[in-house]
Amino acid sequence: MAETTEDAAQLATEYVEIWNEQEFSRLPDVVAESFTFTSPTSGTIQGREDFEAYAREVVDAFSDFQIAVHEMLADEQLVMAEGTLSGTHDSEFDGIPPTHETFEVRDMAKFVVEDGKLQEERAFFDQHDFLGQLGLLEE
């Protein structure tokens, strides 16, 4: 369990930095080995190793992928963050050839903190909006 609310918020902040700086070798410092990640585009991914592989796929496909956090609320075991995800689809992702379109979507993320590590993230965003901005929806 995190010692304080500040510890939980700091873990979530470091996690966002890892994404933005594409420094996934730092994940073991922040994310539990049994980490679970769920989002509209990934479904549920179990385990830090599989999550790292997914994260690397995301930044390979969207080389300028960024997470901007606008607001964060935390207690010792739970962090809620509201932000914006953005990037340019410049390489294949999930079997989809690059569209070279950019996206910017609002998201909410819920993090569960135990034993000083992030145990779980659930990301919520409008997948329809995301796919539409990439030009992947039928008119």
C-alpha atoms as a PDB file:
ATOM      1  CA  MET A   1       0.000   0.000   0.000  1.00  0.00           C
ATOM      2  CA  ALA A   2       1.236   3.500  -0.737  1.00  0.00           C
ATOM      3  CA  GLU A   3       2.281   5.407   2.355  1.00  0.00           C
ATOM      4  CA  THR A   4       0.402   8.595   1.520  1.00  0.00           C
ATOM      5  CA  THR A   5      -1.879  10.226  -1.005  1.00  0.00           C
ATOM      6  CA  GLU A   6       1.202  12.005  -2.388  1.00  0.00           C
ATOM      7  CA  ASP A   7       2.907   8.639  -2.991  1.00  0.00           C
ATOM      8  CA  ALA A   8      -0.060   7.357  -5.018  1.00  0.00           C
ATOM      9  CA  ALA A   9      -0.249  10.559  -7.067  1.00  0.00           C
ATOM     10  CA  GLN A  10       3.527  10.449  -7.612  1.00  0.00           C
ATOM     11  CA  LEU A  11       3.307   6.874  -8.946  1.00  0.00           C
ATOM     12  CA  ALA A  12       0.632   7.922 -11.436  1.00  0.00           C
ATOM     13  CA  THR A  13       2.674  10.986 -12.449  1.00  0.00           C
ATOM     14  CA  GLU A  14       5.787   8.848 -13.006  1.00  0.00           C
ATOM     15  CA  TYR A  15       3.714   6.393 -15.057  1.00  0.00           C
ATOM     16  CA  VAL A  16       2.586   9.213 -17.378  1.00  0.00           C
ATOM     17  CA  GLU A  17       6.205  10.398 -17.682  1.00  0.00           C
ATOM     18  CA  ILE A  18       7.273   6.864 -18.688  1.00  0.00           C
ATOM     19  CA  TRP A  19       4.710   6.936 -21.521  1.00  0.00           C
ATOM     20  CA  ASN A  20       5.589  10.468 -22.633  1.00  0.00           C
ATOM     21  CA  GLU A  21       9.343   9.852 -22.538  1.00  0.00           C
ATOM     22  CA  GLN A  22       8.962   6.295 -23.929  1.00  0.00           C
ATOM     23  CA  GLU A  23      11.187   5.006 -21.106  1.00  0.00           C
ATOM     24  CA  PHE A  24       9.440   1.676 -20.587  1.00  0.00           C
ATOM     25  CA  SER A  25      12.527   0.186 -18.902  1.00  0.00           C
ATOM     26  CA  ARG A  26      11.380   2.249 -15.855  1.00  0.00           C
ATOM     27  CA  LEU A  27       8.044   0.378 -15.599  1.00  0.00           C
ATOM     28  CA  PRO A  28       9.262  -2.048 -12.875  1.00  0.00           C
ATOM     29  CA  ASP A  29       9.833   0.977 -10.594  1.00  0.00           C
ATOM     30  CA  VAL A  30       6.181   2.001 -10.860  1.00  0.00           C
ATOM     31  CA  VAL A  31       4.062  -0.941 -12.039  1.00  0.00           C
ATOM     32  CA  ALA A  32       3.516  -4.275 -10.243  1.00  0.00           C
ATOM     33  CA  GLU A  33       4.542  -7.449 -12.049  1.00  0.00           C
ATOM     34  CA  SER A  34       0.865  -8.509 -12.028  1.00  0.00           C
ATOM     35  CA  PHE A  35      -0.304  -5.115 -13.432  1.00  0.00           C
ATOM     36  CA  THR A  36      -3.630  -5.185 -15.273  1.00  0.00           C
ATOM     37  CA  PHE A  37      -4.383  -2.636 -18.016  1.00  0.00           C
ATOM     38  CA  THR A  38      -7.794  -2.156 -19.619  1.00  0.00           C
ATOM     39  CA  SER A  39      -8.764   0.300 -22.373  1.00  0.00           C
ATOM     40  CA  PRO A  40     -11.280   0.521 -25.234  1.00  0.00           C
ATOM     41  CA  THR A  41      -8.596  -0.314 -27.819  1.00  0.00           C
ATOM     42  CA  SER A  42      -6.600  -2.969 -25.937  1.00  0.00           C
ATOM     43  CA  GLY A  43      -9.199  -4.872 -23.972  1.00  0.00           C
ATOM     44  CA  THR A  44      -7.587  -6.266 -20.820  1.00  0.00           C
ATOM     45  CA  ILE A  45      -3.864  -6.972 -20.676  1.00  0.00           C
ATOM     46  CA  GLN A  46      -2.519  -9.014 -17.756  1.00  0.00           C
ATOM     47  CA  GLY A  47       1.042  -8.676 -16.494  1.00  0.00           C
ATOM     48  CA  ARG A  48       3.737  -6.027 -16.717  1.00  0.00           C
ATOM     49  CA  GLU A  49       5.638  -7.798 -19.502  1.00  0.00           C
ATOM     50  CA  ASP A  50       2.603  -8.028 -21.827  1.00  0.00           C
ATOM     51  CA  PHE A  51       1.650  -4.454 -20.935  1.00  0.00           C
ATOM     52  CA  GLU A  52       5.141  -3.221 -21.820  1.00  0.00           C
ATOM     53  CA  ALA A  53       4.911  -4.977 -25.202  1.00  0.00           C
ATOM     54  CA  TYR A  54       1.535  -3.259 -25.810  1.00  0.00           C
ATOM     55  CA  ALA A  55       2.881   0.165 -24.753  1.00  0.00           C
ATOM     56  CA  ARG A  56       5.830  -0.226 -27.134  1.00  0.00           C
ATOM     57  CA  GLU A  57       3.393  -1.101 -29.967  1.00  0.00           C
ATOM     58  CA  VAL A  58       1.431   2.079 -29.233  1.00  0.00           C
ATOM     59  CA  VAL A  59       4.471   4.364 -29.359  1.00  0.00           C
ATOM     60  CA  ASP A  60       5.814   2.562 -32.439  1.00  0.00           C
ATOM     61  CA  ALA A  61       2.516   3.254 -34.232  1.00  0.00           C
ATOM     62  CA  PHE A  62       2.067   6.781 -32.777  1.00  0.00           C
ATOM     63  CA  SER A  63       5.663   7.999 -32.395  1.00  0.00           C
ATOM     64  CA  ASP A  64       4.532  11.357 -30.958  1.00  0.00           C
ATOM     65  CA  PHE A  65       2.020   9.765 -28.534  1.00  0.00           C
ATOM     66  CA  GLN A  66       1.482  11.966 -25.487  1.00  0.00           C
ATOM     67  CA  ILE A  67      -0.636  11.963 -22.356  1.00  0.00           C
ATOM     68  CA  ALA A  68      -1.478  15.379 -20.915  1.00  0.00           C
ATOM     69  CA  VAL A  69      -2.963  15.233 -17.419  1.00  0.00           C
ATOM     70  CA  HIS A  70      -5.332  18.101 -16.644  1.00  0.00           C
ATOM     71  CA  GLU A  71      -6.544  17.043 -13.201  1.00  0.00           C
ATOM     72  CA  MET A  72      -5.671  14.306 -10.728  1.00  0.00           C
ATOM     73  CA  LEU A  73      -7.412  13.200  -7.551  1.00  0.00           C
ATOM     74  CA  ALA A  74      -5.789  10.676  -5.231  1.00  0.00           C
ATOM     75  CA  ASP A  75      -6.055   8.893  -1.932  1.00  0.00           C
ATOM     76  CA  GLU A  76      -3.702   6.196  -0.620  1.00  0.00           C
ATOM     77  CA  GLN A  77      -5.029   3.422  -2.893  1.00  0.00           C
ATOM     78  CA  LEU A  78      -6.841   5.106  -5.773  1.00  0.00           C
ATOM     79  CA  VAL A  79      -5.887   7.747  -8.349  1.00  0.00           C
ATOM     80  CA  MET A  80      -8.264   9.287 -10.890  1.00  0.00           C
ATOM     81  CA  ALA A  81      -6.728  11.330 -13.696  1.00  0.00           C
ATOM     82  CA  GLU A  82      -8.456  13.324 -16.425  1.00  0.00           C
ATOM     83  CA  GLY A  83      -6.402  14.132 -19.461  1.00  0.00           C
ATOM     84  CA  THR A  84      -5.912  14.170 -23.203  1.00  0.00           C
ATOM     85  CA  LEU A  85      -4.318  11.480 -25.355  1.00  0.00           C
ATOM     86  CA  SER A  86      -2.814  12.577 -28.658  1.00  0.00           C
ATOM     87  CA  GLY A  87      -0.624  11.331 -31.453  1.00  0.00           C
ATOM     88  CA  THR A  88      -0.081  10.763 -35.169  1.00  0.00           C
ATOM     89  CA  HIS A  89      -0.775   7.333 -36.686  1.00  0.00           C
ATOM     90  CA  ASP A  90       2.518   6.997 -38.569  1.00  0.00           C
ATOM     91  CA  SER A  91       3.076   3.220 -38.448  1.00  0.00           C
ATOM     92  CA  GLU A  92       0.960   0.047 -38.394  1.00  0.00           C
ATOM     93  CA  PHE A  93      -1.141  -0.469 -35.252  1.00  0.00           C
ATOM     94  CA  ASP A  94      -3.148  -3.578 -34.473  1.00  0.00           C
ATOM     95  CA  GLY A  95      -2.995  -4.632 -38.129  1.00  0.00           C
ATOM     96  CA  ILE A  96      -4.152  -1.207 -39.362  1.00  0.00           C
ATOM     97  CA  PRO A  97      -1.819   0.487 -41.861  1.00  0.00           C
ATOM     98  CA  PRO A  98      -0.761   4.046 -40.970  1.00  0.00           C
ATOM     99  CA  THR A  99      -3.317   6.725 -41.815  1.00  0.00           C
ATOM    100  CA  HIS A 100      -0.907   9.611 -41.048  1.00  0.00           C
ATOM    101  CA  GLU A 101      -3.869  11.298 -39.313  1.00  0.00           C
ATOM    102  CA  THR A 102      -3.606  12.845 -35.855  1.00  0.00           C
ATOM    103  CA  PHE A 103      -5.939  12.264 -32.943  1.00  0.00           C
ATOM    104  CA  GLU A 104      -6.701  14.052 -29.710  1.00  0.00           C
ATOM    105  CA  VAL A 105      -9.209  12.519 -27.296  1.00  0.00           C
ATOM    106  CA  ARG A 106     -10.152  13.215 -23.694  1.00  0.00           C
ATOM    107  CA  ASP A 107      -9.669  10.344 -21.305  1.00  0.00           C
ATOM    108  CA  MET A 108     -10.186   9.319 -17.709  1.00  0.00           C
ATOM    109  CA  ALA A 109      -7.884   6.848 -16.016  1.00  0.00           C
ATOM    110  CA  LYS A 110      -8.442   5.000 -12.750  1.00  0.00           C
ATOM    111  CA  PHE A 111      -5.351   3.589 -11.026  1.00  0.00           C
ATOM    112  CA  VAL A 112      -5.320   1.145  -8.123  1.00  0.00           C
ATOM    113  CA  VAL A 113      -2.256   1.376  -5.861  1.00  0.00           C
ATOM    114  CA  GLU A 114      -1.114  -1.374  -3.476  1.00  0.00           C
ATOM    115  CA  ASP A 115       2.251  -2.171  -1.907  1.00  0.00           C
ATOM    116  CA  GLY A 116       3.831   0.958  -3.372  1.00  0.00           C
ATOM    117  CA  LYS A 117       3.100   0.071  -7.025  1.00  0.00           C
ATOM    118  CA  LEU A 118       0.364   0.599  -9.581  1.00  0.00           C
ATOM    119  CA  GLN A 119      -1.643  -2.639  -9.659  1.00  0.00           C
ATOM    120  CA  GLU A 120      -4.240  -1.675 -12.246  1.00  0.00           C
ATOM    121  CA  GLU A 121      -5.189   0.991 -14.754  1.00  0.00           C
ATOM    122  CA  ARG A 122      -8.557   1.337 -16.417  1.00  0.00           C
ATOM    123  CA  ALA A 123      -8.536   3.950 -19.192  1.00  0.00           C
ATOM    124  CA  PHE A 124     -11.802   5.338 -20.521  1.00  0.00           C
ATOM    125  CA  PHE A 125     -12.099   7.297 -23.780  1.00  0.00           C
ATOM    126  CA  ASP A 126     -14.410   7.504 -26.779  1.00  0.00           C
ATOM    127  CA  GLN A 127     -13.107   4.827 -29.146  1.00  0.00           C
ATOM    128  CA  HIS A 128     -15.526   5.991 -31.877  1.00  0.00           C
ATOM    129  CA  ASP A 129     -14.061   9.518 -31.694  1.00  0.00           C
ATOM    130  CA  PHE A 130     -10.505   8.079 -31.749  1.00  0.00           C
ATOM    131  CA  LEU A 131     -11.178   5.905 -34.827  1.00  0.00           C
ATOM    132  CA  GLY A 132     -13.076   8.721 -36.550  1.00  0.00           C
ATOM    133  CA  GLN A 133     -10.179  11.150 -36.161  1.00  0.00           C
ATOM    134  CA  LEU A 134      -7.890   8.552 -37.736  1.00  0.00           C
ATOM    135  CA  GLY A 135     -10.258   8.257 -40.712  1.00  0.00           C
ATOM    136  CA  LEU A 136     -11.053   4.624 -39.903  1.00  0.00           C
ATOM    137  CA  LEU A 137     -14.860   4.832 -39.753  1.00  0.00           C
ATOM    138  CA  GLU A 138     -17.155   4.294 -42.714  1.00  0.00           C
ATOM    139  CA  GLU A 139     -19.073   7.394 -43.680  1.00  0.00           C
END
